[in-house]
Amino acid sequence: MWLRVRAAPVSRVRSLALFVAVEVVLVFWIRDSLILNVLTLIYPVE
């Protein structure tokens, strides 16, 4: 028997805030993030 569970709706502002928070933590923790990878792909450092 499968239970139907509805996920709580998440606003765009809340999901954007979560994305930014995760990126900031990753930059300071492991010095890597999705935004930094995209920037180095667009503007490579020689």
N, C-alpha and C. Protein backbone atom coordinates (compact mmCIF):
# COMPACT_ATOMS: atom_id res chain seq x y z
N MET A 1 0.85 -1.18 0.00
CA MET A 1 0.00 0.00 0.00
C MET A 1 0.89 1.24 0.00
N TRP A 2 0.68 2.07 -0.98
CA TRP A 2 1.46 3.30 -1.10
C TRP A 2 0.74 4.44 -0.39
N LEU A 3 1.48 5.17 0.36
CA LEU A 3 0.92 6.35 1.01
C LEU A 3 1.22 7.56 0.15
N ARG A 4 0.24 8.37 -0.03
CA ARG A 4 0.45 9.58 -0.81
C ARG A 4 0.80 10.71 0.15
N VAL A 5 2.01 11.17 0.03
CA VAL A 5 2.49 12.24 0.89
C VAL A 5 2.77 13.44 0.01
N ARG A 6 2.16 14.54 0.34
CA ARG A 6 2.40 15.77 -0.41
C ARG A 6 3.55 16.53 0.22
N ALA A 7 4.46 16.96 -0.60
CA ALA A 7 5.56 17.78 -0.11
C ALA A 7 5.05 19.18 0.19
N ALA A 8 5.63 19.77 1.19
CA ALA A 8 5.24 21.14 1.54
C ALA A 8 5.71 22.07 0.43
N PRO A 9 4.88 23.01 0.03
CA PRO A 9 5.30 23.93 -1.02
C PRO A 9 6.43 24.84 -0.53
N VAL A 10 7.42 24.99 -1.38
CA VAL A 10 8.57 25.82 -1.04
C VAL A 10 8.58 26.99 -2.01
N SER A 11 8.66 28.17 -1.48
CA SER A 11 8.64 29.35 -2.33
C SER A 11 9.98 29.49 -3.06
N ARG A 12 9.96 30.25 -4.11
CA ARG A 12 11.19 30.48 -4.87
C ARG A 12 12.21 31.25 -4.05
N VAL A 13 11.73 32.15 -3.22
CA VAL A 13 12.65 32.94 -2.39
C VAL A 13 13.36 32.03 -1.39
N ARG A 14 12.61 31.12 -0.79
CA ARG A 14 13.22 30.21 0.19
C ARG A 14 14.21 29.26 -0.47
N SER A 15 13.88 28.74 -1.64
CA SER A 15 14.81 27.84 -2.32
C SER A 15 16.04 28.59 -2.82
N LEU A 16 15.88 29.83 -3.25
CA LEU A 16 17.03 30.63 -3.65
C LEU A 16 17.92 30.95 -2.45
N ALA A 17 17.31 31.25 -1.31
CA ALA A 17 18.08 31.51 -0.09
C ALA A 17 18.85 30.27 0.34
N LEU A 18 18.23 29.10 0.22
CA LEU A 18 18.91 27.85 0.57
C LEU A 18 20.08 27.60 -0.38
N PHE A 19 19.89 27.85 -1.67
CA PHE A 19 20.97 27.67 -2.64
C PHE A 19 22.15 28.58 -2.33
N VAL A 20 21.87 29.84 -2.05
CA VAL A 20 22.93 30.80 -1.74
C VAL A 20 23.65 30.39 -0.46
N ALA A 21 22.90 29.96 0.55
CA ALA A 21 23.52 29.54 1.81
C ALA A 21 24.43 28.34 1.61
N VAL A 22 24.00 27.37 0.81
CA VAL A 22 24.84 26.20 0.55
C VAL A 22 26.09 26.59 -0.22
N GLU A 23 25.95 27.48 -1.18
CA GLU A 23 27.12 27.92 -1.96
C GLU A 23 28.13 28.65 -1.07
N VAL A 24 27.65 29.50 -0.18
CA VAL A 24 28.55 30.23 0.71
C VAL A 24 29.28 29.27 1.64
N VAL A 25 28.56 28.30 2.19
CA VAL A 25 29.21 27.31 3.06
C VAL A 25 30.25 26.51 2.29
N LEU A 26 29.94 26.11 1.07
CA LEU A 26 30.90 25.35 0.27
C LEU A 26 32.14 26.16 -0.07
N VAL A 27 31.95 27.44 -0.36
CA VAL A 27 33.11 28.28 -0.69
C VAL A 27 34.06 28.37 0.49
N PHE A 28 33.53 28.55 1.68
CA PHE A 28 34.40 28.69 2.85
C PHE A 28 34.90 27.34 3.36
N TRP A 29 34.13 26.27 3.17
CA TRP A 29 34.51 24.98 3.74
C TRP A 29 35.51 24.25 2.85
N ILE A 30 35.16 24.05 1.58
CA ILE A 30 36.05 23.29 0.70
C ILE A 30 36.59 24.12 -0.45
N ARG A 31 36.32 25.41 -0.43
CA ARG A 31 36.79 26.35 -1.45
C ARG A 31 36.40 25.90 -2.86
N ASP A 32 35.17 25.43 -2.98
CA ASP A 32 34.65 25.01 -4.27
C ASP A 32 33.13 25.15 -4.24
N SER A 33 32.56 25.52 -5.36
CA SER A 33 31.11 25.63 -5.45
C SER A 33 30.71 25.63 -6.92
N LEU A 34 29.43 25.50 -7.15
CA LEU A 34 28.91 25.49 -8.51
C LEU A 34 29.16 26.82 -9.20
N ILE A 35 28.97 27.91 -8.48
CA ILE A 35 29.16 29.24 -9.07
C ILE A 35 30.62 29.46 -9.46
N LEU A 36 31.55 29.04 -8.59
CA LEU A 36 32.96 29.17 -8.92
C LEU A 36 33.34 28.31 -10.12
N ASN A 37 32.77 27.12 -10.22
CA ASN A 37 33.05 26.26 -11.37
C ASN A 37 32.54 26.87 -12.66
N VAL A 38 31.38 27.47 -12.63
CA VAL A 38 30.83 28.11 -13.83
C VAL A 38 31.67 29.33 -14.20
N LEU A 39 32.07 30.11 -13.21
CA LEU A 39 32.90 31.29 -13.50
C LEU A 39 34.24 30.90 -14.11
N THR A 40 34.88 29.85 -13.58
CA THR A 40 36.16 29.45 -14.15
C THR A 40 35.99 28.79 -15.52
N LEU A 41 34.81 28.25 -15.80
CA LEU A 41 34.55 27.73 -17.14
C LEU A 41 34.39 28.86 -18.14
N ILE A 42 33.72 29.94 -17.73
CA ILE A 42 33.48 31.07 -18.62
C ILE A 42 34.74 31.93 -18.76
N TYR A 43 35.38 32.23 -17.62
CA TYR A 43 36.58 33.06 -17.61
C TYR A 43 37.73 32.27 -17.00
N PRO A 44 38.41 31.45 -17.80
CA PRO A 44 39.51 30.65 -17.24
C PRO A 44 40.70 31.51 -16.83
N VAL A 45 41.32 31.13 -15.73
CA VAL A 45 42.51 31.83 -15.23
C VAL A 45 43.73 31.13 -15.81
N GLU A 46 44.60 31.91 -16.41
CA GLU A 46 45.77 31.31 -17.03
C GLU A 46 46.99 31.45 -16.18
